[in-house]
Amino acid sequence: MDCEQLVGAGLVEAWNSQHPSGTPIIVIQDDGSQVISKTRSIAWTLGHGEAVVSYEGQSGGYALSRVVPMAEKAAL
């Protein structure tokens, strides 16, 4: 496992320990707009190590770096 894969695995482990499937989230889109949704899976890593999660309204995985749990957003 290379460094990027190890980092991704750590992010997935931390995310999944706090955020089960069904967690309300805010997703930051490419254009900066925000989408409110819920996860439909636990997080996982892609082959190259990027941590992703799937959410309602989007197929496939979306980068965890652009997903904010609603509880965290409210605390900011």
C-alpha atoms as a PDB file:
ATOM      1  CA  MET A   1       0.000   0.000   0.000  1.00  0.00           C
ATOM      2  CA  ASP A   2       1.431   3.394  -0.888  1.00  0.00           C
ATOM      3  CA  CYS A   3       1.193   6.588   1.157  1.00  0.00           C
ATOM      4  CA  GLU A   4      -1.912   7.915  -0.645  1.00  0.00           C
ATOM      5  CA  GLN A   5      -3.742   4.635  -0.067  1.00  0.00           C
ATOM      6  CA  LEU A   6      -2.833   4.681   3.630  1.00  0.00           C
ATOM      7  CA  VAL A   7      -4.125   8.235   4.033  1.00  0.00           C
ATOM      8  CA  GLY A   8      -7.353   7.342   2.233  1.00  0.00           C
ATOM      9  CA  ALA A   9      -7.841   4.261   4.405  1.00  0.00           C
ATOM     10  CA  GLY A  10      -7.374   6.392   7.525  1.00  0.00           C
ATOM     11  CA  LEU A  11      -9.928   8.934   6.332  1.00  0.00           C
ATOM     12  CA  VAL A  12     -12.430   6.174   5.584  1.00  0.00           C
ATOM     13  CA  GLU A  13     -11.939   4.593   8.998  1.00  0.00           C
ATOM     14  CA  ALA A  14     -12.411   7.935  10.771  1.00  0.00           C
ATOM     15  CA  TRP A  15     -15.475   8.873   8.671  1.00  0.00           C
ATOM     16  CA  ASN A  16     -17.175   5.494   9.105  1.00  0.00           C
ATOM     17  CA  SER A  17     -16.637   5.495  12.872  1.00  0.00           C
ATOM     18  CA  GLN A  18     -18.627   8.737  13.165  1.00  0.00           C
ATOM     19  CA  HIS A  19     -20.987   8.786  10.153  1.00  0.00           C
ATOM     20  CA  PRO A  20     -23.141   5.766   9.275  1.00  0.00           C
ATOM     21  CA  SER A  21     -25.065   5.381   6.049  1.00  0.00           C
ATOM     22  CA  GLY A  22     -27.979   7.830   6.088  1.00  0.00           C
ATOM     23  CA  THR A  23     -25.976  10.710   7.585  1.00  0.00           C
ATOM     24  CA  PRO A  24     -27.303  14.152   6.517  1.00  0.00           C
ATOM     25  CA  ILE A  25     -24.586  15.974   4.557  1.00  0.00           C
ATOM     26  CA  ILE A  26     -23.749  19.071   2.556  1.00  0.00           C
ATOM     27  CA  VAL A  27     -21.908  18.367  -0.693  1.00  0.00           C
ATOM     28  CA  ILE A  28     -19.715  21.047  -2.287  1.00  0.00           C
ATOM     29  CA  GLN A  29     -20.138  20.829  -6.074  1.00  0.00           C
ATOM     30  CA  ASP A  30     -17.519  21.712  -8.724  1.00  0.00           C
ATOM     31  CA  ASP A  31     -19.020  25.201  -9.146  1.00  0.00           C
ATOM     32  CA  GLY A  32     -19.015  25.866  -5.383  1.00  0.00           C
ATOM     33  CA  SER A  33     -22.750  25.374  -4.960  1.00  0.00           C
ATOM     34  CA  GLN A  34     -23.958  23.258  -2.066  1.00  0.00           C
ATOM     35  CA  VAL A  35     -26.339  20.311  -2.152  1.00  0.00           C
ATOM     36  CA  ILE A  36     -28.069  18.962   0.949  1.00  0.00           C
ATOM     37  CA  SER A  37     -28.511  15.202   0.889  1.00  0.00           C
ATOM     38  CA  LYS A  38     -27.888  11.984   2.852  1.00  0.00           C
ATOM     39  CA  THR A  39     -25.223   9.342   2.424  1.00  0.00           C
ATOM     40  CA  ARG A  40     -26.382   6.031   1.037  1.00  0.00           C
ATOM     41  CA  SER A  41     -23.292   4.060   1.948  1.00  0.00           C
ATOM     42  CA  ILE A  42     -20.344   3.976   4.258  1.00  0.00           C
ATOM     43  CA  ALA A  43     -17.156   5.491   2.840  1.00  0.00           C
ATOM     44  CA  TRP A  44     -14.585   3.465   0.897  1.00  0.00           C
ATOM     45  CA  THR A  45     -11.333   4.032  -0.950  1.00  0.00           C
ATOM     46  CA  LEU A  46     -10.824   3.900  -4.678  1.00  0.00           C
ATOM     47  CA  GLY A  47      -7.900   1.925  -6.092  1.00  0.00           C
ATOM     48  CA  HIS A  48      -5.564   4.931  -6.047  1.00  0.00           C
ATOM     49  CA  GLY A  49      -6.507   5.743  -2.424  1.00  0.00           C
ATOM     50  CA  GLU A  50      -9.092   8.540  -2.687  1.00  0.00           C
ATOM     51  CA  ALA A  51     -11.745   8.351   0.046  1.00  0.00           C
ATOM     52  CA  VAL A  52     -15.298   8.547  -1.309  1.00  0.00           C
ATOM     53  CA  VAL A  53     -18.906   8.059  -0.211  1.00  0.00           C
ATOM     54  CA  SER A  54     -22.139   7.746  -2.179  1.00  0.00           C
ATOM     55  CA  TYR A  55     -25.092  10.016  -1.525  1.00  0.00           C
ATOM     56  CA  GLU A  56     -28.716  10.247  -2.582  1.00  0.00           C
ATOM     57  CA  GLY A  57     -29.091  11.901  -5.979  1.00  0.00           C
ATOM     58  CA  GLN A  58     -25.603  10.985  -7.231  1.00  0.00           C
ATOM     59  CA  SER A  59     -24.340   7.725  -8.688  1.00  0.00           C
ATOM     60  CA  GLY A  60     -20.934   6.389  -7.743  1.00  0.00           C
ATOM     61  CA  GLY A  61     -18.626   7.774  -5.092  1.00  0.00           C
ATOM     62  CA  TYR A  62     -18.004  11.426  -4.258  1.00  0.00           C
ATOM     63  CA  ALA A  63     -14.782  12.697  -2.653  1.00  0.00           C
ATOM     64  CA  LEU A  64     -14.997  12.914   1.142  1.00  0.00           C
ATOM     65  CA  SER A  65     -12.920  16.085   0.942  1.00  0.00           C
ATOM     66  CA  ARG A  66     -16.034  17.783  -0.480  1.00  0.00           C
ATOM     67  CA  VAL A  67     -18.619  16.275   1.867  1.00  0.00           C
ATOM     68  CA  VAL A  68     -19.505  17.921   5.197  1.00  0.00           C
ATOM     69  CA  PRO A  69     -21.717  16.212   7.777  1.00  0.00           C
ATOM     70  CA  MET A  70     -24.667  18.481   8.672  1.00  0.00           C
ATOM     71  CA  ALA A  71     -23.885  18.417  12.419  1.00  0.00           C
ATOM     72  CA  GLU A  72     -20.368  19.731  11.721  1.00  0.00           C
ATOM     73  CA  LYS A  73     -21.694  22.469   9.448  1.00  0.00           C
ATOM     74  CA  ALA A  74     -24.146  23.625  12.154  1.00  0.00           C
ATOM     75  CA  ALA A  75     -21.298  23.788  14.677  1.00  0.00           C
ATOM     76  CA  LEU A  76     -19.146  26.071  12.474  1.00  0.00           C
END
